[in-house]
Amino acid sequence: MKATPKVVIGLSIALILSLAIKPAYAHGFGERYDLPLPLSIYIIGAGAAVGLSFLLITYLLRNSRFSGSYVVVNLYDHKVSWLLKNVVVRTFIKGFALFAFVLTITSGLIGDQTPIKNLTPTMVWIIFWVALTYISALVGNAWRIINPLKILFEVAEWTYIRLSKNNSLSLNRDYPTRLGVWPAFALFLGFAWVELVYPSSAVPKTLSIFIIYYSLISWIGMFIFGKERWTTNGDAFTVFFDLFGCFAPTEVRVSLDTICLSCGSGCKYTVNGCVNCYDCFDRSPKTARQFNLRPFGAGLLNGGEISPSLLATVILILSTVTFDGFTATPLWVDMVFQILPIFEFLGSSRVIGVTTLGLLIFPILFVSVYLIFCRAMRYFSNESTDTLKFAKLFVLSLIPIALAYHLSHYLSYLLIQGQLLITLLSDPFGYGWDLFGTGEFKPNIAIVNARFAWILSMVAIVMGHIIAVYISHITAVNYLKNHRAALKSQYPMLILMIAYTMTSLWILAQPITEFSG
């Protein structure tokens, strides 16, 4: 496809206009801000930026051929990989993660129930849900090393083996292939409900009880199917961090295919080897181990098989974080008041009922729209492959968008509210202790101003969609082999990305425009 000079110039002007607008202050910072230009101008500009990126990507990659592999730099023999090679260090890190897990539960159960005085809400919603997500996506998948549920099961299994002379604590039943990651899907939906709907989600004792329930479910799953198989398929957070870890610039890899044949997690050996399976990594000889630097997002091109359940989970992750932003808009408030009479039978829980309904509808809406566009992609490429095949093929390109939303929604929250951890380390139970001399520390709420927050949100959303367009384009070329067919298949995806970019920024801007109106 050739772009005419008028098209390129028009898109460029729109992009410049979008970048020239002074940023608006996000809600929650207590500062008034009036948009210097109509809201529609910077929304159109953001959409134009994504459209222009498509033209540039198409032009730059017009003659490229992709084998499915990507460039890596193996650091396993360098000092930087000491964390993976030193058993003592890894054991210490696991021990610390286990201590933090136990402390989090204990402080919630017996500590002061005021959220800002108790360690539990900060550890769950700031450190675990926000900080660990950024680490997994921007550094590497740390959850595979520090997962306290798996560590506790391993400790119990180690003890059981030595006392009973058996070789495993698990029953090691065959995990049904058709079950896929549906258990993780269901558990993540429950987690999203607690975060976005449940009114007591910040109450320390309530959080601790939820953690205990989740832990019991996980340990039962590990006991029945084995720890590797369950964590890979049934643990919502392992699946979540694995997906975000695909975007990260680091990976562990095993270059010996025979290791995968005996893997408890059911991993697959692809053209890139066995990637990010720590079970295979720990069991492989050192000569087959790699700790690699790779381009951001390269893991999303790994070529592994995507199950329908994993497709649904990716859509669920994206839809819930979008729903979180949508609930802050005046439109949502108006909708709630319109729907409330229908839920009169729930009494004082009417709002919970409406919000739960919205949380359930959003994934259905997202997957419906996505499948419609995938059908259009199949039509434009003249492929005989069914729509579901296309949907599974391109779904990982949505991960950068989910990460962008996570950044735009939660980074300021992390930088401001995360400072509570400094105080809570000295007084985790809220008893008035000052163990490390930080008990009197006062968070600096000016560490991030509204200008920074809004610029970050706008840039993150636009860049997330641009990266998604890039990954989708490479995936199309890899699969279709024909550049012309690949290009045509991306027209519907481009429309979807532009529309979602504009919608996302509209959602982010609603509290601002309403406040300043």
Protein backbone atom coordinates (compact mmCIF):
# COMPACT_ATOMS: atom_id res chain seq x y z
CA MET A 1 0.00 0.00 0.00
CA LYS A 2 1.30 3.43 -0.97
CA ALA A 3 0.36 6.43 1.08
CA THR A 4 -0.29 9.64 -0.81
CA PRO A 5 1.54 12.81 0.32
CA LYS A 6 -1.77 14.35 1.40
CA VAL A 7 -2.55 11.39 3.64
CA VAL A 8 0.90 11.42 5.24
CA ILE A 9 0.85 15.20 5.72
CA GLY A 10 -2.65 15.10 7.20
CA LEU A 11 -1.74 12.36 9.65
CA SER A 12 1.48 14.14 10.59
CA ILE A 13 -0.33 17.41 11.32
CA ALA A 14 -2.87 15.60 13.46
CA LEU A 15 -0.05 13.90 15.36
CA ILE A 16 1.75 17.19 15.96
CA LEU A 17 -1.46 18.78 17.21
CA SER A 18 -1.99 15.91 19.63
CA LEU A 19 1.52 16.26 21.04
CA ALA A 20 1.32 20.03 21.26
CA ILE A 21 -1.68 20.10 23.56
CA LYS A 22 -0.91 20.86 27.16
CA PRO A 23 -1.60 17.80 29.30
CA ALA A 24 -4.67 17.66 31.50
CA TYR A 25 -4.51 16.87 35.18
CA ALA A 26 -5.94 13.51 36.08
CA HIS A 27 -8.64 13.20 38.67
CA GLY A 28 -7.67 12.63 42.23
CA PHE A 29 -4.86 15.20 42.42
CA GLY A 30 -6.98 18.06 43.63
CA GLU A 31 -5.99 20.45 40.83
CA ARG A 32 -8.33 22.06 38.31
CA TYR A 33 -7.39 21.82 34.67
CA ASP A 34 -9.21 23.06 31.57
CA LEU A 35 -8.40 21.47 28.23
CA PRO A 36 -6.83 24.16 26.01
CA LEU A 37 -8.41 22.59 22.90
CA PRO A 38 -11.53 20.50 22.34
CA LEU A 39 -11.28 16.95 23.57
CA SER A 40 -11.88 15.63 20.08
CA ILE A 41 -8.66 17.12 18.72
CA TYR A 42 -6.19 15.20 20.88
CA ILE A 43 -8.29 12.03 20.62
CA ILE A 44 -8.14 12.26 16.83
CA GLY A 45 -4.44 13.07 17.08
CA ALA A 46 -3.79 9.94 19.13
CA GLY A 47 -5.67 7.84 16.61
CA ALA A 48 -3.69 9.45 13.83
CA ALA A 49 -0.44 8.57 15.60
CA VAL A 50 -1.42 4.89 15.57
CA GLY A 51 -2.44 5.16 11.92
CA LEU A 52 0.85 6.82 10.98
CA SER A 53 2.77 4.12 12.82
CA PHE A 54 1.04 1.53 10.65
CA LEU A 55 2.27 3.31 7.51
CA LEU A 56 5.82 3.46 8.86
CA ILE A 57 5.80 -0.18 9.97
CA THR A 58 4.44 -1.29 6.60
CA TYR A 59 7.09 0.68 4.75
CA LEU A 60 10.03 -0.38 6.92
CA LEU A 61 9.10 -4.06 6.90
CA ARG A 62 7.96 -4.27 3.28
CA ASN A 63 10.81 -6.57 2.24
CA SER A 64 11.41 -8.35 5.54
CA ARG A 65 11.14 -12.08 6.11
CA PHE A 66 10.60 -13.54 9.55
CA SER A 67 11.55 -17.02 10.66
CA GLY A 68 9.75 -16.78 14.02
CA SER A 69 13.02 -16.47 15.97
CA TYR A 70 14.52 -13.26 17.34
CA VAL A 71 17.91 -11.90 18.31
CA VAL A 72 19.09 -12.66 21.85
CA VAL A 73 22.21 -12.06 23.93
CA ASN A 74 22.99 -14.95 26.27
CA LEU A 75 24.14 -13.67 29.67
CA TYR A 76 24.15 -16.99 31.51
CA ASP A 77 27.95 -17.10 31.73
CA HIS A 78 28.16 -13.47 32.88
CA LYS A 79 28.02 -12.23 36.46
CA VAL A 80 24.66 -10.61 35.83
CA SER A 81 23.01 -14.07 35.95
CA TRP A 82 24.14 -14.78 39.53
CA LEU A 83 20.51 -14.83 40.70
CA LEU A 84 19.71 -17.83 38.52
CA LYS A 85 22.97 -19.70 39.16
CA ASN A 86 23.51 -19.23 42.88
CA VAL A 87 21.36 -21.68 44.85
CA VAL A 88 21.96 -19.88 48.16
CA VAL A 89 20.81 -16.54 46.76
CA ARG A 90 17.70 -18.05 45.19
CA THR A 91 16.88 -19.83 48.44
CA PHE A 92 17.25 -16.57 50.37
CA ILE A 93 14.95 -14.75 47.93
CA LYS A 94 12.35 -17.51 48.17
CA GLY A 95 12.60 -17.42 51.95
CA PHE A 96 12.07 -13.67 51.98
CA ALA A 97 9.05 -13.99 49.65
CA LEU A 98 7.61 -16.64 51.95
CA PHE A 99 8.18 -14.43 55.00
CA ALA A 100 6.45 -11.50 53.28
CA PHE A 101 3.51 -13.76 52.37
CA VAL A 102 3.04 -14.98 55.94
CA LEU A 103 3.47 -11.48 57.36
CA THR A 104 0.87 -10.11 54.94
CA ILE A 105 -1.72 -12.68 56.02
CA THR A 106 -0.91 -12.32 59.72
CA SER A 107 -1.05 -8.52 59.74
CA GLY A 108 -4.45 -8.66 58.06
CA LEU A 109 -5.84 -11.11 60.60
CA ILE A 110 -4.58 -9.61 63.86
CA GLY A 111 -3.48 -6.07 63.02
CA ASP A 112 -5.27 -2.72 63.10
CA GLN A 113 -8.11 -2.82 60.56
CA THR A 114 -7.52 0.71 59.32
CA PRO A 115 -6.23 0.17 55.74
CA ILE A 116 -3.48 2.80 55.84
CA LYS A 117 -2.18 1.49 59.17
CA ASN A 118 -2.03 -2.15 58.12
CA LEU A 119 0.53 -3.78 55.84
CA THR A 120 -1.90 -6.10 54.04
CA PRO A 121 -3.72 -3.67 51.68
CA THR A 122 -0.44 -2.05 50.64
CA MET A 123 1.22 -5.40 49.95
CA VAL A 124 -1.74 -6.75 47.96
CA TRP A 125 -2.86 -3.76 45.92
CA ILE A 126 0.38 -1.80 45.55
CA ILE A 127 3.35 -4.16 45.79
CA PHE A 128 1.81 -7.34 44.40
CA TRP A 129 -0.79 -6.11 41.92
CA VAL A 130 1.01 -3.00 40.61
CA ALA A 131 4.75 -3.21 41.27
CA LEU A 132 5.14 -6.91 40.50
CA THR A 133 3.22 -6.47 37.24
CA TYR A 134 5.66 -3.76 36.11
CA ILE A 135 8.64 -5.89 37.12
CA SER A 136 7.27 -8.87 35.21
CA ALA A 137 6.63 -6.85 32.04
CA LEU A 138 9.58 -4.47 32.07
CA VAL A 139 12.32 -6.62 33.70
CA GLY A 140 11.40 -10.31 33.82
CA ASN A 141 8.88 -12.77 35.22
CA ALA A 142 9.87 -12.78 38.89
CA TRP A 143 6.67 -14.54 39.99
CA ARG A 144 7.98 -17.86 38.68
CA ILE A 145 10.75 -17.61 41.30
CA ILE A 146 8.98 -16.01 44.27
CA ASN A 147 5.51 -17.61 44.09
CA PRO A 148 4.95 -18.29 47.83
CA LEU A 149 2.14 -20.81 47.24
CA LYS A 150 4.42 -23.01 45.19
CA ILE A 151 7.32 -22.50 47.63
CA LEU A 152 5.17 -23.63 50.59
CA PHE A 153 4.01 -26.69 48.67
CA GLU A 154 7.62 -27.52 47.81
CA VAL A 155 8.57 -27.27 51.49
CA ALA A 156 5.69 -29.55 52.44
CA GLU A 157 6.62 -31.98 49.66
CA TRP A 158 10.28 -32.03 50.68
CA THR A 159 9.28 -32.84 54.26
CA TYR A 160 6.77 -35.49 53.18
CA ILE A 161 9.24 -37.26 50.89
CA ARG A 162 11.84 -37.53 53.64
CA LEU A 163 9.36 -38.78 56.24
CA SER A 164 7.39 -41.21 54.06
CA LYS A 165 10.03 -42.34 51.54
CA ASN A 166 7.58 -41.58 48.72
CA ASN A 167 8.73 -39.60 45.71
CA SER A 168 5.95 -37.02 45.54
CA LEU A 169 3.28 -35.34 47.64
CA SER A 170 1.03 -34.95 44.58
CA LEU A 171 -1.33 -37.51 43.13
CA ASN A 172 -0.11 -36.39 39.68
CA ARG A 173 -3.44 -37.04 37.97
CA ASP A 174 -3.57 -36.29 34.26
CA TYR A 175 -4.63 -32.70 33.72
CA PRO A 176 -7.53 -32.62 31.20
CA THR A 177 -6.34 -30.93 28.03
CA ARG A 178 -9.78 -29.50 27.37
CA LEU A 179 -9.64 -27.76 30.77
CA GLY A 180 -6.84 -25.49 29.50
CA VAL A 181 -6.39 -22.43 31.71
CA TRP A 182 -10.10 -22.10 32.47
CA PRO A 183 -9.42 -22.50 36.24
CA ALA A 184 -7.04 -19.52 36.03
CA PHE A 185 -9.67 -17.61 34.04
CA ALA A 186 -12.30 -18.20 36.72
CA LEU A 187 -9.96 -17.30 39.57
CA PHE A 188 -8.80 -14.12 37.83
CA LEU A 189 -12.41 -13.10 37.29
CA GLY A 190 -12.95 -13.59 41.02
CA PHE A 191 -9.88 -11.50 41.79
CA ALA A 192 -11.13 -8.74 39.48
CA TRP A 193 -14.49 -8.82 41.25
CA VAL A 194 -12.82 -8.35 44.63
CA GLU A 195 -10.72 -5.48 43.28
CA LEU A 196 -13.40 -3.62 41.31
CA VAL A 197 -16.73 -4.53 42.90
CA TYR A 198 -16.41 -5.81 46.46
CA PRO A 199 -16.85 -2.83 48.84
CA SER A 200 -14.53 -4.24 51.54
CA SER A 201 -11.56 -4.92 49.25
CA ALA A 202 -9.32 -2.67 51.37
CA VAL A 203 -10.25 -4.22 54.73
CA PRO A 204 -7.11 -6.08 55.96
CA LYS A 205 -8.86 -9.07 57.55
CA THR A 206 -11.06 -9.58 54.50
CA LEU A 207 -8.03 -9.60 52.21
CA SER A 208 -6.23 -12.11 54.40
CA ILE A 209 -9.24 -14.43 54.35
CA PHE A 210 -9.42 -14.22 50.56
CA ILE A 211 -5.69 -15.02 50.34
CA ILE A 212 -6.19 -18.08 52.54
CA TYR A 213 -9.10 -19.32 50.41
CA TYR A 214 -7.10 -18.82 47.23
CA SER A 215 -4.12 -20.61 48.75
CA LEU A 216 -6.24 -23.61 49.69
CA ILE A 217 -7.63 -23.85 46.15
CA SER A 218 -4.09 -23.68 44.76
CA TRP A 219 -2.70 -26.34 47.11
CA ILE A 220 -5.58 -28.69 46.34
CA GLY A 221 -4.87 -28.22 42.64
CA MET A 222 -1.16 -28.89 43.18
CA PHE A 223 -1.95 -31.98 45.25
CA ILE A 224 -4.20 -33.45 42.57
CA PHE A 225 -2.34 -32.52 39.37
CA GLY A 226 1.18 -31.66 40.52
CA LYS A 227 2.66 -28.29 41.35
CA GLU A 228 4.02 -27.49 37.87
CA ARG A 229 0.92 -28.50 35.97
CA TRP A 230 -1.44 -26.63 38.27
CA THR A 231 0.56 -23.40 38.56
CA THR A 232 0.92 -23.23 34.78
CA ASN A 233 -2.77 -23.82 34.07
CA GLY A 234 -4.76 -23.19 37.23
CA ASP A 235 -2.98 -20.37 39.06
CA ALA A 236 -4.48 -17.09 37.85
CA PHE A 237 -1.41 -15.07 38.75
CA THR A 238 1.09 -17.43 37.14
CA VAL A 239 -0.90 -17.19 33.90
CA PHE A 240 -1.19 -13.40 34.29
CA PHE A 241 2.50 -12.80 34.98
CA ASP A 242 3.50 -15.28 32.27
CA LEU A 243 1.54 -13.25 29.74
CA PHE A 244 3.04 -9.94 30.85
CA GLY A 245 6.45 -11.62 31.11
CA CYS A 246 6.26 -12.32 27.37
CA PHE A 247 6.75 -8.58 26.88
CA ALA A 248 9.82 -8.44 29.14
CA PRO A 249 13.37 -7.99 27.77
CA THR A 250 14.71 -11.09 29.55
CA GLU A 251 14.00 -14.79 29.33
CA VAL A 252 15.34 -18.14 30.47
CA ARG A 253 15.70 -20.72 27.73
CA VAL A 254 16.62 -24.39 27.40
CA SER A 255 18.13 -25.51 24.12
CA LEU A 256 17.59 -29.26 24.67
CA ASP A 257 14.24 -30.55 23.44
CA THR A 258 14.38 -33.82 25.38
CA ILE A 259 14.01 -31.89 28.66
CA CYS A 260 10.52 -30.71 27.65
CA LEU A 261 9.31 -34.29 27.17
CA SER A 262 9.44 -34.90 30.92
CA CYS A 263 8.27 -31.44 31.99
CA GLY A 264 5.53 -31.37 34.60
CA SER A 265 4.08 -28.09 33.33
CA GLY A 266 3.36 -29.37 29.83
CA CYS A 267 5.51 -26.74 28.11
CA LYS A 268 6.19 -26.81 24.37
CA TYR A 269 9.51 -26.78 22.54
CA THR A 270 9.29 -24.16 19.77
CA VAL A 271 11.62 -22.75 17.13
CA ASN A 272 13.13 -20.62 19.91
CA GLY A 273 13.65 -23.57 22.25
CA CYS A 274 11.97 -24.00 25.62
CA VAL A 275 11.34 -20.43 26.80
CA ASN A 276 10.53 -19.29 30.34
CA CYS A 277 9.84 -22.73 31.77
CA TYR A 278 11.70 -22.73 35.07
CA ASP A 279 10.96 -26.39 35.65
CA CYS A 280 12.88 -27.33 32.48
CA PHE A 281 15.52 -24.73 33.27
CA ASP A 282 16.23 -26.16 36.74
CA ARG A 283 16.39 -29.75 35.44
CA SER A 284 18.54 -29.07 32.37
CA PRO A 285 22.35 -29.37 32.24
CA LYS A 286 24.17 -26.04 32.52
CA THR A 287 25.37 -26.32 28.92
CA ALA A 288 21.75 -26.17 27.73
CA ARG A 289 20.75 -23.18 29.87
CA GLN A 290 20.46 -19.63 28.61
CA PHE A 291 19.59 -16.37 30.32
CA ASN A 292 18.87 -14.01 27.44
CA LEU A 293 18.36 -10.37 26.74
CA ARG A 294 15.85 -9.92 23.93
CA PRO A 295 13.83 -7.08 22.35
CA PHE A 296 10.78 -5.89 24.26
CA GLY A 297 7.73 -7.81 23.11
CA ALA A 298 9.74 -10.56 21.38
CA GLY A 299 8.21 -13.19 23.65
CA LEU A 300 4.82 -12.40 22.16
CA LEU A 301 6.13 -13.84 18.88
CA ASN A 302 7.22 -17.15 20.34
CA GLY A 303 4.86 -19.14 18.15
CA GLY A 304 3.38 -21.36 20.86
CA GLU A 305 -0.14 -22.76 20.56
CA ILE A 306 -2.85 -20.52 22.02
CA SER A 307 -5.79 -22.37 23.53
CA PRO A 308 -9.34 -20.95 23.54
CA SER A 309 -9.09 -20.61 27.32
CA LEU A 310 -5.90 -18.55 27.06
CA LEU A 311 -7.54 -16.40 24.38
CA ALA A 312 -10.44 -15.77 26.76
CA THR A 313 -8.05 -14.97 29.61
CA VAL A 314 -6.17 -12.33 27.60
CA ILE A 315 -9.47 -10.70 26.65
CA LEU A 316 -10.60 -10.87 30.28
CA ILE A 317 -7.43 -9.12 31.50
CA LEU A 318 -7.80 -6.34 28.94
CA SER A 319 -11.52 -5.89 29.55
CA THR A 320 -11.27 -5.72 33.34
CA VAL A 321 -8.59 -3.03 33.35
CA THR A 322 -10.67 -1.05 30.81
CA PHE A 323 -13.75 -1.54 32.95
CA ASP A 324 -11.81 -0.15 35.90
CA GLY A 325 -11.24 3.08 33.98
CA PHE A 326 -14.79 3.19 32.64
CA THR A 327 -16.28 3.09 36.14
CA ALA A 328 -14.64 6.48 36.82
CA THR A 329 -16.59 8.18 34.00
CA PRO A 330 -19.81 10.19 34.37
CA LEU A 331 -21.35 7.95 31.70
CA TRP A 332 -20.99 4.94 33.98
CA VAL A 333 -22.50 6.83 36.91
CA ASP A 334 -25.52 7.76 34.77
CA MET A 335 -25.88 4.15 33.62
CA VAL A 336 -25.78 2.89 37.20
CA PHE A 337 -28.61 5.20 38.25
CA GLN A 338 -30.65 4.10 35.23
CA ILE A 339 -30.17 0.39 35.99
CA LEU A 340 -30.46 0.49 39.80
CA PRO A 341 -34.28 0.07 39.89
CA ILE A 342 -33.92 -3.31 38.12
CA PHE A 343 -31.83 -4.55 41.06
CA GLU A 344 -34.27 -3.36 43.71
CA PHE A 345 -34.56 -6.95 44.99
CA LEU A 346 -30.90 -6.77 46.17
CA GLY A 347 -31.66 -3.97 48.61
CA SER A 348 -28.50 -2.26 49.86
CA SER A 349 -26.39 -4.40 47.52
CA ARG A 350 -27.91 -2.92 44.36
CA VAL A 351 -24.75 -1.09 43.33
CA ILE A 352 -22.74 -4.30 43.80
CA GLY A 353 -25.21 -6.08 41.54
CA VAL A 354 -24.99 -3.44 38.80
CA THR A 355 -21.20 -3.31 38.92
CA THR A 356 -20.97 -7.10 38.85
CA LEU A 357 -23.19 -7.14 35.78
CA GLY A 358 -20.92 -4.58 34.11
CA LEU A 359 -17.83 -6.62 34.98
CA LEU A 360 -19.40 -9.69 33.35
CA ILE A 361 -20.67 -7.88 30.27
CA PHE A 362 -17.35 -6.19 29.42
CA PRO A 363 -15.45 -9.42 28.58
CA ILE A 364 -18.38 -10.65 26.47
CA LEU A 365 -18.47 -7.34 24.63
CA PHE A 366 -14.70 -7.34 24.11
CA VAL A 367 -14.51 -10.90 22.80
CA SER A 368 -17.48 -10.27 20.48
CA VAL A 369 -15.89 -7.18 18.95
CA TYR A 370 -12.53 -8.92 18.68
CA LEU A 371 -14.02 -11.94 16.88
CA ILE A 372 -15.87 -9.67 14.45
CA PHE A 373 -12.62 -7.95 13.50
CA CYS A 374 -10.80 -11.27 13.26
CA ARG A 375 -13.45 -12.47 10.84
CA ALA A 376 -12.86 -9.32 8.81
CA MET A 377 -9.09 -9.99 8.89
CA ARG A 378 -9.68 -13.48 7.55
CA TYR A 379 -11.88 -12.08 4.78
CA PHE A 380 -9.37 -9.43 3.71
CA SER A 381 -6.50 -11.93 3.63
CA ASN A 382 -8.50 -14.49 1.59
CA GLU A 383 -7.52 -17.18 4.09
CA SER A 384 -9.63 -20.30 4.47
CA THR A 385 -8.64 -20.59 8.14
CA ASP A 386 -11.56 -20.25 10.56
CA THR A 387 -12.07 -17.09 12.57
CA LEU A 388 -11.08 -18.67 15.88
CA LYS A 389 -7.68 -19.57 14.42
CA PHE A 390 -7.13 -15.92 13.53
CA ALA A 391 -8.34 -14.82 16.95
CA LYS A 392 -5.84 -17.10 18.71
CA LEU A 393 -3.08 -16.06 16.32
CA PHE A 394 -3.28 -12.33 17.07
CA VAL A 395 -4.52 -12.22 20.67
CA LEU A 396 -1.05 -11.82 22.23
CA SER A 397 -0.68 -8.53 20.36
CA LEU A 398 -3.22 -7.16 22.87
CA ILE A 399 -0.82 -7.63 25.81
CA PRO A 400 1.05 -4.31 25.22
CA ILE A 401 -2.32 -2.53 25.36
CA ALA A 402 -3.17 -4.20 28.68
CA LEU A 403 0.25 -3.14 30.00
CA ALA A 404 -0.31 0.41 28.77
CA TYR A 405 -3.61 0.56 30.62
CA HIS A 406 -1.97 -0.82 33.74
CA LEU A 407 0.69 1.91 33.54
CA SER A 408 -1.78 4.71 32.92
CA HIS A 409 -4.11 3.66 35.74
CA TYR A 410 -1.74 2.57 38.48
CA LEU A 411 1.76 4.06 38.20
CA SER A 412 0.92 7.29 40.02
CA TYR A 413 -0.90 5.22 42.62
CA LEU A 414 2.26 3.15 43.10
CA LEU A 415 4.56 6.17 43.41
CA ILE A 416 2.32 7.98 45.90
CA GLN A 417 0.55 5.29 47.91
CA GLY A 418 3.55 2.98 47.67
CA GLN A 419 5.39 5.28 50.08
CA LEU A 420 3.18 3.87 52.83
CA LEU A 421 5.38 0.79 52.73
CA ILE A 422 8.22 2.79 54.29
CA THR A 423 6.11 3.44 57.38
CA LEU A 424 4.51 0.01 57.46
CA LEU A 425 7.84 -1.81 57.46
CA SER A 426 8.39 -0.42 60.94
CA ASP A 427 4.80 -1.01 62.03
CA PRO A 428 3.16 -3.74 59.90
CA PHE A 429 0.34 -4.41 62.37
CA GLY A 430 -0.52 -0.80 63.13
CA TYR A 431 0.36 -1.19 66.81
CA GLY A 432 2.46 1.97 67.00
CA TRP A 433 5.83 0.23 66.61
CA ASP A 434 8.90 1.85 65.07
CA LEU A 435 11.17 -1.13 64.36
CA PHE A 436 13.40 0.53 61.75
CA GLY A 437 12.99 4.21 62.63
CA THR A 438 10.59 4.94 59.75
CA GLY A 439 7.36 4.96 61.76
CA GLU A 440 6.99 8.74 61.52
CA PHE A 441 7.63 8.92 57.78
CA LYS A 442 5.02 10.98 55.92
CA PRO A 443 4.34 10.20 52.24
CA ASN A 444 5.18 12.98 49.81
CA ILE A 445 2.05 13.33 47.68
CA ALA A 446 3.81 15.89 45.46
CA ILE A 447 6.35 13.32 44.24
CA VAL A 448 4.16 12.93 41.14
CA ASN A 449 2.18 15.87 39.85
CA ALA A 450 -0.89 15.75 37.66
CA ARG A 451 1.05 16.94 34.61
CA PHE A 452 3.33 13.91 34.76
CA ALA A 453 0.42 11.55 35.37
CA TRP A 454 -1.51 12.75 32.35
CA ILE A 455 1.46 12.77 29.98
CA LEU A 456 2.35 9.27 31.12
CA SER A 457 -1.19 8.05 30.54
CA MET A 458 -1.42 9.54 27.07
CA VAL A 459 2.00 8.30 25.95
CA ALA A 460 1.46 4.83 27.44
CA ILE A 461 -1.88 4.33 25.69
CA VAL A 462 -0.61 5.49 22.30
CA MET A 463 2.67 3.56 22.53
CA GLY A 464 0.88 0.42 23.70
CA HIS A 465 -1.32 0.45 20.63
CA ILE A 466 1.59 1.20 18.31
CA ILE A 467 3.53 -1.78 19.69
CA ALA A 468 0.40 -3.90 19.31
CA VAL A 469 0.14 -2.87 15.64
CA TYR A 470 3.80 -3.81 15.14
CA ILE A 471 3.46 -7.23 16.78
CA SER A 472 0.25 -7.93 14.88
CA HIS A 473 1.93 -7.06 11.58
CA ILE A 474 4.90 -9.35 12.20
CA THR A 475 2.55 -12.15 13.28
CA ALA A 476 0.57 -11.75 10.06
CA VAL A 477 3.73 -11.95 7.91
CA ASN A 478 4.96 -14.98 9.86
CA TYR A 479 1.71 -16.84 9.38
CA LEU A 480 0.55 -15.75 5.92
CA LYS A 481 4.05 -15.62 4.37
CA ASN A 482 2.68 -13.34 1.64
CA HIS A 483 3.30 -9.63 2.36
CA ARG A 484 0.31 -8.47 0.36
CA ALA A 485 -2.07 -10.85 2.12
CA ALA A 486 -0.52 -9.94 5.48
CA LEU A 487 -0.97 -6.24 4.77
CA LYS A 488 -4.61 -6.65 3.80
CA SER A 489 -5.29 -8.71 6.90
CA GLN A 490 -4.11 -5.81 9.05
CA TYR A 491 -6.62 -3.25 7.78
CA PRO A 492 -9.35 -4.39 10.21
CA MET A 493 -6.80 -4.70 13.04
CA LEU A 494 -5.63 -1.15 12.36
CA ILE A 495 -9.20 0.13 12.55
CA LEU A 496 -9.67 -1.74 15.83
CA MET A 497 -6.44 -0.32 17.28
CA ILE A 498 -7.28 3.25 16.26
CA ALA A 499 -10.81 2.96 17.65
CA TYR A 500 -9.56 1.47 20.91
CA THR A 501 -6.87 4.14 21.26
CA MET A 502 -9.42 6.90 20.87
CA THR A 503 -11.88 5.19 23.20
CA SER A 504 -9.19 4.64 25.83
CA LEU A 505 -8.17 8.30 25.85
CA TRP A 506 -11.79 9.35 25.95
CA ILE A 507 -12.26 7.20 29.07
CA LEU A 508 -9.15 8.70 30.68
CA ALA A 509 -10.30 12.25 29.87
CA GLN A 510 -13.88 11.95 31.12
CA PRO A 511 -13.25 12.76 34.81
CA ILE A 512 -11.10 15.71 33.69
CA THR A 513 -13.56 17.23 31.27
CA GLU A 514 -16.42 16.69 33.71
CA PHE A 515 -14.47 18.28 36.59
CA SER A 516 -13.36 21.25 34.52
CA GLY A 517 -16.71 21.77 32.84
